[in-house]
Amino acid sequence: IFRAYYIGHQYGVLKNKTDLLGAIILKWLREGLIKIEQKETGVIFKKENTVVVLNETDPEKLIDEKEKELFKMLYEASKDGYLENREFESWCSRSYSTILSWFDDIIERERKKLVEKGLINVEEKVSLKIFKHNTYTATSDLKQEAIELAGLKRYLEEYTLIKERQAIEVTLFEEYLIYAQIIEKKKKVAKEFKDLYPEMIEQSSYNSYDNIIFIHTCSNNGIRQAKSAKS
């Protein structure tokens, strides 16, 4: 996911680099690390709200360090392990630098990984005889991955137009939705699959179409608040 995210960012396949947030939350939901539930919230005026349940997961069990960082941010925003939409918005408004720099750090980390794997070539150049800087050139193998990611985006965009498409397995649908989140096609893809295969979403780890939309709304609203606070 992180590698596809970097490639999509560098080649303009994704529109908003912050869409990765929703993809990671979907990934956790798929892995059973978190749950989405209805919970009564409020002190005086109580009402049922959709929440992300975080307090049943040990963040130290997360293998990826950036995922671990994100989990701790969300838990901090929730205060009690039950994250509401408004809580995340409020936290992002106060901690905009922390959440927005998280995306930049991933871009830098993934570039370093690809350099180490030989998929990006680095050349040091000197300008005005004193200023040194690195230039990065993708190999043909990495460019091919970018072409394939762009192909996946087009496939998801035009899925309903494919006449000879075959019914897909639930696990593949879950995977598609994670990548659709990264490339900003999550709502469209979720809606199309809901219409084409109405039982699939209920059979998936996401449980319901409403859960998918909640993750989209919660992550988008939080990042919108962070960008507004930064401005």
C-alpha atoms as a PDB file:
ATOM      1  CA  ILE A   1       0.000   0.000   0.000  1.00  0.00           C
ATOM      2  CA  PHE A   2       2.736   2.482   0.933  1.00  0.00           C
ATOM      3  CA  ARG A   3       4.675   1.723  -2.235  1.00  0.00           C
ATOM      4  CA  ALA A   4       1.590   2.192  -4.423  1.00  0.00           C
ATOM      5  CA  TYR A   5       0.925   5.418  -2.523  1.00  0.00           C
ATOM      6  CA  TYR A   6       4.393   6.774  -3.298  1.00  0.00           C
ATOM      7  CA  ILE A   7       4.196   5.793  -6.962  1.00  0.00           C
ATOM      8  CA  GLY A   8       0.717   7.267  -7.299  1.00  0.00           C
ATOM      9  CA  HIS A   9       1.882  10.516  -5.728  1.00  0.00           C
ATOM     10  CA  GLN A  10       4.966  10.849  -7.926  1.00  0.00           C
ATOM     11  CA  TYR A  11       3.146  10.066 -11.178  1.00  0.00           C
ATOM     12  CA  GLY A  12      -0.062  11.973 -10.492  1.00  0.00           C
ATOM     13  CA  VAL A  13      -2.236   8.855 -10.310  1.00  0.00           C
ATOM     14  CA  LEU A  14      -3.698   9.986  -6.991  1.00  0.00           C
ATOM     15  CA  LYS A  15      -5.226  13.411  -6.492  1.00  0.00           C
ATOM     16  CA  ASN A  16      -4.853  13.945  -2.747  1.00  0.00           C
ATOM     17  CA  LYS A  17      -1.923  12.461  -0.870  1.00  0.00           C
ATOM     18  CA  THR A  18      -3.979  12.562   2.328  1.00  0.00           C
ATOM     19  CA  ASP A  19      -6.391   9.900   1.000  1.00  0.00           C
ATOM     20  CA  LEU A  20      -3.933   7.313   2.333  1.00  0.00           C
ATOM     21  CA  LEU A  21      -5.439   7.830   5.796  1.00  0.00           C
ATOM     22  CA  GLY A  22      -8.751   6.204   4.885  1.00  0.00           C
ATOM     23  CA  ALA A  23      -6.922   3.349   3.138  1.00  0.00           C
ATOM     24  CA  ILE A  24      -4.989   2.479   6.294  1.00  0.00           C
ATOM     25  CA  ILE A  25      -8.171   2.528   8.397  1.00  0.00           C
ATOM     26  CA  LEU A  26      -9.833   0.197   5.866  1.00  0.00           C
ATOM     27  CA  LYS A  27      -6.764  -2.044   6.040  1.00  0.00           C
ATOM     28  CA  TRP A  28      -7.016  -2.242   9.832  1.00  0.00           C
ATOM     29  CA  LEU A  29     -10.714  -3.020   9.611  1.00  0.00           C
ATOM     30  CA  ARG A  30      -9.950  -5.800   7.130  1.00  0.00           C
ATOM     31  CA  GLU A  31      -7.271  -7.208   9.428  1.00  0.00           C
ATOM     32  CA  GLY A  32      -9.628  -7.173  12.413  1.00  0.00           C
ATOM     33  CA  LEU A  33      -7.472  -4.681  14.333  1.00  0.00           C
ATOM     34  CA  ILE A  34     -10.334  -2.222  14.775  1.00  0.00           C
ATOM     35  CA  LYS A  35     -14.124  -2.298  14.670  1.00  0.00           C
ATOM     36  CA  ILE A  36     -16.842   0.169  13.790  1.00  0.00           C
ATOM     37  CA  GLU A  37     -19.805   0.233  16.109  1.00  0.00           C
ATOM     38  CA  GLN A  38     -22.759   2.307  17.228  1.00  0.00           C
ATOM     39  CA  LYS A  39     -22.182   3.754  20.703  1.00  0.00           C
ATOM     40  CA  GLU A  40     -24.181   6.042  22.941  1.00  0.00           C
ATOM     41  CA  THR A  41     -22.203   9.249  23.412  1.00  0.00           C
ATOM     42  CA  GLY A  42     -22.741  12.580  25.121  1.00  0.00           C
ATOM     43  CA  VAL A  43     -22.988  13.596  28.778  1.00  0.00           C
ATOM     44  CA  ILE A  44     -26.350  15.359  29.001  1.00  0.00           C
ATOM     45  CA  PHE A  45     -27.880  14.820  25.575  1.00  0.00           C
ATOM     46  CA  LYS A  46     -27.030  11.219  24.742  1.00  0.00           C
ATOM     47  CA  LYS A  47     -27.371   9.804  21.243  1.00  0.00           C
ATOM     48  CA  GLU A  48     -26.141   6.926  19.121  1.00  0.00           C
ATOM     49  CA  ASN A  49     -22.993   7.727  17.155  1.00  0.00           C
ATOM     50  CA  THR A  50     -20.780   5.704  14.840  1.00  0.00           C
ATOM     51  CA  VAL A  51     -17.346   5.212  16.393  1.00  0.00           C
ATOM     52  CA  VAL A  52     -14.069   3.497  15.540  1.00  0.00           C
ATOM     53  CA  VAL A  53     -13.212   1.060  18.322  1.00  0.00           C
ATOM     54  CA  LEU A  54      -9.477   1.277  19.025  1.00  0.00           C
ATOM     55  CA  ASN A  55      -9.130   0.143  22.630  1.00  0.00           C
ATOM     56  CA  GLU A  56      -9.062  -3.582  21.825  1.00  0.00           C
ATOM     57  CA  THR A  57      -5.786  -3.324  19.896  1.00  0.00           C
ATOM     58  CA  ASP A  58      -2.218  -3.167  21.169  1.00  0.00           C
ATOM     59  CA  PRO A  59      -0.447  -0.671  18.848  1.00  0.00           C
ATOM     60  CA  GLU A  60       2.881  -2.355  19.577  1.00  0.00           C
ATOM     61  CA  LYS A  61       1.666  -5.338  17.547  1.00  0.00           C
ATOM     62  CA  LEU A  62       1.598  -3.208  14.400  1.00  0.00           C
ATOM     63  CA  ILE A  63       4.624  -4.078  12.295  1.00  0.00           C
ATOM     64  CA  ASP A  64       4.892  -0.847  10.321  1.00  0.00           C
ATOM     65  CA  GLU A  65       6.187   2.121  12.333  1.00  0.00           C
ATOM     66  CA  LYS A  66       4.120   4.687  10.427  1.00  0.00           C
ATOM     67  CA  GLU A  67       0.961   2.664  11.045  1.00  0.00           C
ATOM     68  CA  LYS A  68       1.890   2.543  14.726  1.00  0.00           C
ATOM     69  CA  GLU A  69       2.290   6.334  14.755  1.00  0.00           C
ATOM     70  CA  LEU A  70      -1.088   6.832  13.112  1.00  0.00           C
ATOM     71  CA  PHE A  71      -2.810   4.468  15.531  1.00  0.00           C
ATOM     72  CA  LYS A  72      -1.443   6.406  18.504  1.00  0.00           C
ATOM     73  CA  MET A  73      -2.652   9.678  16.948  1.00  0.00           C
ATOM     74  CA  LEU A  74      -6.169   8.319  16.535  1.00  0.00           C
ATOM     75  CA  TYR A  75      -6.185   6.944  20.063  1.00  0.00           C
ATOM     76  CA  GLU A  76      -5.028  10.279  21.447  1.00  0.00           C
ATOM     77  CA  ALA A  77      -7.832  11.989  19.532  1.00  0.00           C
ATOM     78  CA  SER A  78     -10.402   9.583  20.988  1.00  0.00           C
ATOM     79  CA  LYS A  79      -9.173   9.846  24.611  1.00  0.00           C
ATOM     80  CA  ASP A  80     -10.995   6.622  25.524  1.00  0.00           C
ATOM     81  CA  GLY A  81     -10.447   4.336  22.529  1.00  0.00           C
ATOM     82  CA  TYR A  82     -13.795   5.140  20.910  1.00  0.00           C
ATOM     83  CA  LEU A  83     -13.108   7.613  18.116  1.00  0.00           C
ATOM     84  CA  GLU A  84     -15.963   9.843  16.984  1.00  0.00           C
ATOM     85  CA  ASN A  85     -15.935  11.974  13.850  1.00  0.00           C
ATOM     86  CA  ARG A  86     -16.030  15.255  15.793  1.00  0.00           C
ATOM     87  CA  GLU A  87     -13.204  14.122  18.102  1.00  0.00           C
ATOM     88  CA  PHE A  88     -10.927  13.463  15.163  1.00  0.00           C
ATOM     89  CA  GLU A  89     -11.814  16.817  13.584  1.00  0.00           C
ATOM     90  CA  SER A  90     -11.021  18.634  16.820  1.00  0.00           C
ATOM     91  CA  TRP A  91      -7.708  16.812  17.270  1.00  0.00           C
ATOM     92  CA  CYS A  92      -6.644  17.473  13.670  1.00  0.00           C
ATOM     93  CA  SER A  93      -7.394  21.161  14.110  1.00  0.00           C
ATOM     94  CA  ARG A  94      -5.096  21.292  17.158  1.00  0.00           C
ATOM     95  CA  SER A  95      -2.425  18.913  15.850  1.00  0.00           C
ATOM     96  CA  TYR A  96      -2.394  19.755  12.137  1.00  0.00           C
ATOM     97  CA  SER A  97       1.391  19.755  11.910  1.00  0.00           C
ATOM     98  CA  THR A  98       1.629  16.228  13.351  1.00  0.00           C
ATOM     99  CA  ILE A  99      -0.927  14.647  11.030  1.00  0.00           C
ATOM    100  CA  LEU A 100       0.084  16.472   7.845  1.00  0.00           C
ATOM    101  CA  SER A 101       3.807  15.796   8.297  1.00  0.00           C
ATOM    102  CA  TRP A 102       2.983  12.084   8.666  1.00  0.00           C
ATOM    103  CA  PHE A 103       2.156  11.916   4.938  1.00  0.00           C
ATOM    104  CA  ASP A 104       5.380  13.706   3.948  1.00  0.00           C
ATOM    105  CA  ASP A 105       7.425  11.350   6.104  1.00  0.00           C
ATOM    106  CA  ILE A 106       5.944   8.340   4.310  1.00  0.00           C
ATOM    107  CA  ILE A 107       6.769   9.796   0.897  1.00  0.00           C
ATOM    108  CA  GLU A 108      10.374  10.309   1.974  1.00  0.00           C
ATOM    109  CA  ARG A 109      10.625   6.858   3.559  1.00  0.00           C
ATOM    110  CA  GLU A 110       9.260   5.074   0.512  1.00  0.00           C
ATOM    111  CA  ARG A 111      11.640   6.923  -1.795  1.00  0.00           C
ATOM    112  CA  LYS A 112      14.576   5.786   0.330  1.00  0.00           C
ATOM    113  CA  LYS A 113      13.317   2.196   0.173  1.00  0.00           C
ATOM    114  CA  LEU A 114      13.064   2.321  -3.616  1.00  0.00           C
ATOM    115  CA  VAL A 115      16.567   3.787  -3.875  1.00  0.00           C
ATOM    116  CA  GLU A 116      17.866   0.902  -1.731  1.00  0.00           C
ATOM    117  CA  LYS A 117      16.068  -1.612  -3.966  1.00  0.00           C
ATOM    118  CA  GLY A 118      17.616  -0.062  -7.086  1.00  0.00           C
ATOM    119  CA  LEU A 119      14.268   1.088  -8.502  1.00  0.00           C
ATOM    120  CA  ILE A 120      15.272   4.750  -8.261  1.00  0.00           C
ATOM    121  CA  ASN A 121      18.687   6.012  -9.361  1.00  0.00           C
ATOM    122  CA  VAL A 122      20.254   8.902  -7.441  1.00  0.00           C
ATOM    123  CA  GLU A 123      22.714  11.362  -8.926  1.00  0.00           C
ATOM    124  CA  GLU A 124      24.383  14.184  -7.030  1.00  0.00           C
ATOM    125  CA  LYS A 125      24.577  17.467  -8.934  1.00  0.00           C
ATOM    126  CA  VAL A 126      26.190  20.804  -8.193  1.00  0.00           C
ATOM    127  CA  SER A 127      24.601  24.117  -9.151  1.00  0.00           C
ATOM    128  CA  LEU A 128      26.385  27.462  -9.139  1.00  0.00           C
ATOM    129  CA  LYS A 129      29.509  25.439  -8.264  1.00  0.00           C
ATOM    130  CA  ILE A 130      28.616  25.283  -4.547  1.00  0.00           C
ATOM    131  CA  PHE A 131      25.057  23.979  -4.035  1.00  0.00           C
ATOM    132  CA  LYS A 132      24.775  20.207  -4.009  1.00  0.00           C
ATOM    133  CA  HIS A 133      21.485  18.418  -4.567  1.00  0.00           C
ATOM    134  CA  ASN A 134      20.293  14.982  -5.558  1.00  0.00           C
ATOM    135  CA  THR A 135      18.250  14.140  -8.620  1.00  0.00           C
ATOM    136  CA  TYR A 136      16.123  11.007  -8.642  1.00  0.00           C
ATOM    137  CA  THR A 137      15.353   8.985 -11.776  1.00  0.00           C
ATOM    138  CA  ALA A 138      12.931   6.091 -11.861  1.00  0.00           C
ATOM    139  CA  THR A 139      13.980   2.857 -13.545  1.00  0.00           C
ATOM    140  CA  SER A 140      11.883   1.237 -16.260  1.00  0.00           C
ATOM    141  CA  ASP A 141      10.647  -1.310 -13.691  1.00  0.00           C
ATOM    142  CA  LEU A 142       9.258   1.427 -11.457  1.00  0.00           C
ATOM    143  CA  LYS A 143       7.679   3.181 -14.431  1.00  0.00           C
ATOM    144  CA  GLN A 144       5.971  -0.096 -15.293  1.00  0.00           C
ATOM    145  CA  GLU A 145       4.503  -0.234 -11.787  1.00  0.00           C
ATOM    146  CA  ALA A 146       3.170   3.298 -12.293  1.00  0.00           C
ATOM    147  CA  ILE A 147       1.550   2.226 -15.569  1.00  0.00           C
ATOM    148  CA  GLU A 148      -0.074  -0.736 -13.814  1.00  0.00           C
ATOM    149  CA  LEU A 149      -1.380   1.467 -10.995  1.00  0.00           C
ATOM    150  CA  ALA A 150      -2.852   3.866 -13.558  1.00  0.00           C
ATOM    151  CA  GLY A 151      -4.384   0.835 -15.264  1.00  0.00           C
ATOM    152  CA  LEU A 152      -5.974  -0.272 -11.990  1.00  0.00           C
ATOM    153  CA  LYS A 153      -7.427   3.206 -11.544  1.00  0.00           C
ATOM    154  CA  ARG A 154      -8.950   3.130 -15.023  1.00  0.00           C
ATOM    155  CA  TYR A 155     -10.259  -0.412 -14.464  1.00  0.00           C
ATOM    156  CA  LEU A 156     -12.046   0.651 -11.281  1.00  0.00           C
ATOM    157  CA  GLU A 157     -13.395   3.787 -12.950  1.00  0.00           C
ATOM    158  CA  GLU A 158     -14.860   1.813 -15.838  1.00  0.00           C
ATOM    159  CA  TYR A 159     -15.792  -1.402 -14.035  1.00  0.00           C
ATOM    160  CA  THR A 160     -19.511  -1.076 -14.730  1.00  0.00           C
ATOM    161  CA  LEU A 161     -18.796  -0.649 -18.447  1.00  0.00           C
ATOM    162  CA  ILE A 162     -16.930  -3.950 -18.764  1.00  0.00           C
ATOM    163  CA  LYS A 163     -19.390  -6.289 -20.461  1.00  0.00           C
ATOM    164  CA  GLU A 164     -17.632  -9.584 -19.735  1.00  0.00           C
ATOM    165  CA  ARG A 165     -16.666  -8.906 -16.136  1.00  0.00           C
ATOM    166  CA  GLN A 166     -16.896 -11.817 -13.739  1.00  0.00           C
ATOM    167  CA  ALA A 167     -18.140 -11.770 -10.178  1.00  0.00           C
ATOM    168  CA  ILE A 168     -15.189 -11.196  -7.877  1.00  0.00           C
ATOM    169  CA  GLU A 169     -14.361 -12.742  -4.525  1.00  0.00           C
ATOM    170  CA  VAL A 170     -14.919 -10.816  -1.317  1.00  0.00           C
ATOM    171  CA  THR A 171     -11.178 -10.697  -0.530  1.00  0.00           C
ATOM    172  CA  LEU A 172     -10.436  -9.098  -3.891  1.00  0.00           C
ATOM    173  CA  PHE A 173     -13.222  -6.561  -3.396  1.00  0.00           C
ATOM    174  CA  GLU A 174     -11.677  -5.598  -0.039  1.00  0.00           C
ATOM    175  CA  GLU A 175      -8.328  -5.116  -1.749  1.00  0.00           C
ATOM    176  CA  TYR A 176      -9.878  -3.055  -4.545  1.00  0.00           C
ATOM    177  CA  LEU A 177     -11.552  -0.751  -2.057  1.00  0.00           C
ATOM    178  CA  ILE A 178      -8.289  -0.038  -0.230  1.00  0.00           C
ATOM    179  CA  TYR A 179      -6.600   0.977  -3.481  1.00  0.00           C
ATOM    180  CA  ALA A 180      -9.691   2.905  -4.584  1.00  0.00           C
ATOM    181  CA  GLN A 181      -9.326   4.916  -1.370  1.00  0.00           C
ATOM    182  CA  ILE A 182      -5.723   5.773  -2.224  1.00  0.00           C
ATOM    183  CA  ILE A 183      -6.595   6.923  -5.750  1.00  0.00           C
ATOM    184  CA  GLU A 184      -9.718   8.813  -4.610  1.00  0.00           C
ATOM    185  CA  LYS A 185     -12.327   6.531  -6.158  1.00  0.00           C
ATOM    186  CA  LYS A 186     -13.600   4.913  -2.955  1.00  0.00           C
ATOM    187  CA  LYS A 187     -17.154   6.273  -2.923  1.00  0.00           C
ATOM    188  CA  LYS A 188     -17.704   5.535  -6.616  1.00  0.00           C
ATOM    189  CA  VAL A 189     -16.292   2.017  -6.380  1.00  0.00           C
ATOM    190  CA  ALA A 190     -18.167   1.210  -3.156  1.00  0.00           C
ATOM    191  CA  LYS A 191     -21.448   2.436  -4.646  1.00  0.00           C
ATOM    192  CA  GLU A 192     -20.967   0.452  -7.871  1.00  0.00           C
ATOM    193  CA  PHE A 193     -20.116  -2.774  -6.058  1.00  0.00           C
ATOM    194  CA  LYS A 194     -23.039  -2.211  -3.696  1.00  0.00           C
ATOM    195  CA  ASP A 195     -25.351  -1.989  -6.718  1.00  0.00           C
ATOM    196  CA  LEU A 196     -23.750  -4.874  -8.625  1.00  0.00           C
ATOM    197  CA  TYR A 197     -23.162  -7.268  -5.722  1.00  0.00           C
ATOM    198  CA  PRO A 198     -25.452  -6.138  -2.882  1.00  0.00           C
ATOM    199  CA  GLU A 199     -24.492  -8.996  -0.558  1.00  0.00           C
ATOM    200  CA  MET A 200     -20.739  -8.621  -0.996  1.00  0.00           C
ATOM    201  CA  ILE A 201     -20.189  -5.649   1.307  1.00  0.00           C
ATOM    202  CA  GLU A 202     -22.115  -7.361   4.122  1.00  0.00           C
ATOM    203  CA  GLN A 203     -19.956 -10.467   3.645  1.00  0.00           C
ATOM    204  CA  SER A 204     -16.750  -8.442   3.724  1.00  0.00           C
ATOM    205  CA  SER A 205     -14.737  -7.231   6.700  1.00  0.00           C
ATOM    206  CA  TYR A 206     -16.300  -3.800   6.227  1.00  0.00           C
ATOM    207  CA  ASN A 207     -19.749  -5.204   7.155  1.00  0.00           C
ATOM    208  CA  SER A 208     -21.800  -2.422   5.586  1.00  0.00           C
ATOM    209  CA  TYR A 209     -21.757   0.328   2.996  1.00  0.00           C
ATOM    210  CA  ASP A 210     -22.381   2.840   5.799  1.00  0.00           C
ATOM    211  CA  ASN A 211     -19.108   1.829   7.493  1.00  0.00           C
ATOM    212  CA  ILE A 212     -17.171   2.516   4.298  1.00  0.00           C
ATOM    213  CA  ILE A 213     -18.779   5.940   3.940  1.00  0.00           C
ATOM    214  CA  PHE A 214     -18.123   6.692   7.624  1.00  0.00           C
ATOM    215  CA  ILE A 215     -14.391   6.013   7.211  1.00  0.00           C
ATOM    216  CA  HIS A 216     -14.330   8.212   4.119  1.00  0.00           C
ATOM    217  CA  THR A 217     -16.197  11.031   5.870  1.00  0.00           C
ATOM    218  CA  CYS A 218     -14.271  10.848   9.137  1.00  0.00           C
ATOM    219  CA  SER A 219     -10.825  10.861   7.499  1.00  0.00           C
ATOM    220  CA  ASN A 220     -11.741  13.577   4.998  1.00  0.00           C
ATOM    221  CA  ASN A 221     -13.288  15.863   7.606  1.00  0.00           C
ATOM    222  CA  GLY A 222     -10.282  15.509   9.886  1.00  0.00           C
ATOM    223  CA  ILE A 223      -7.780  16.340   7.163  1.00  0.00           C
ATOM    224  CA  ARG A 224      -9.931  19.256   6.019  1.00  0.00           C
ATOM    225  CA  GLN A 225      -9.774  20.676   9.551  1.00  0.00           C
ATOM    226  CA  ALA A 226      -5.992  20.164   9.663  1.00  0.00           C
ATOM    227  CA  LYS A 227      -5.472  22.008   6.377  1.00  0.00           C
ATOM    228  CA  SER A 228      -7.797  24.809   7.484  1.00  0.00           C
ATOM    229  CA  ALA A 229      -5.900  25.194  10.771  1.00  0.00           C
ATOM    230  CA  LYS A 230      -2.581  25.234   8.928  1.00  0.00           C
ATOM    231  CA  SER A 231      -3.847  27.988   6.601  1.00  0.00           C
END
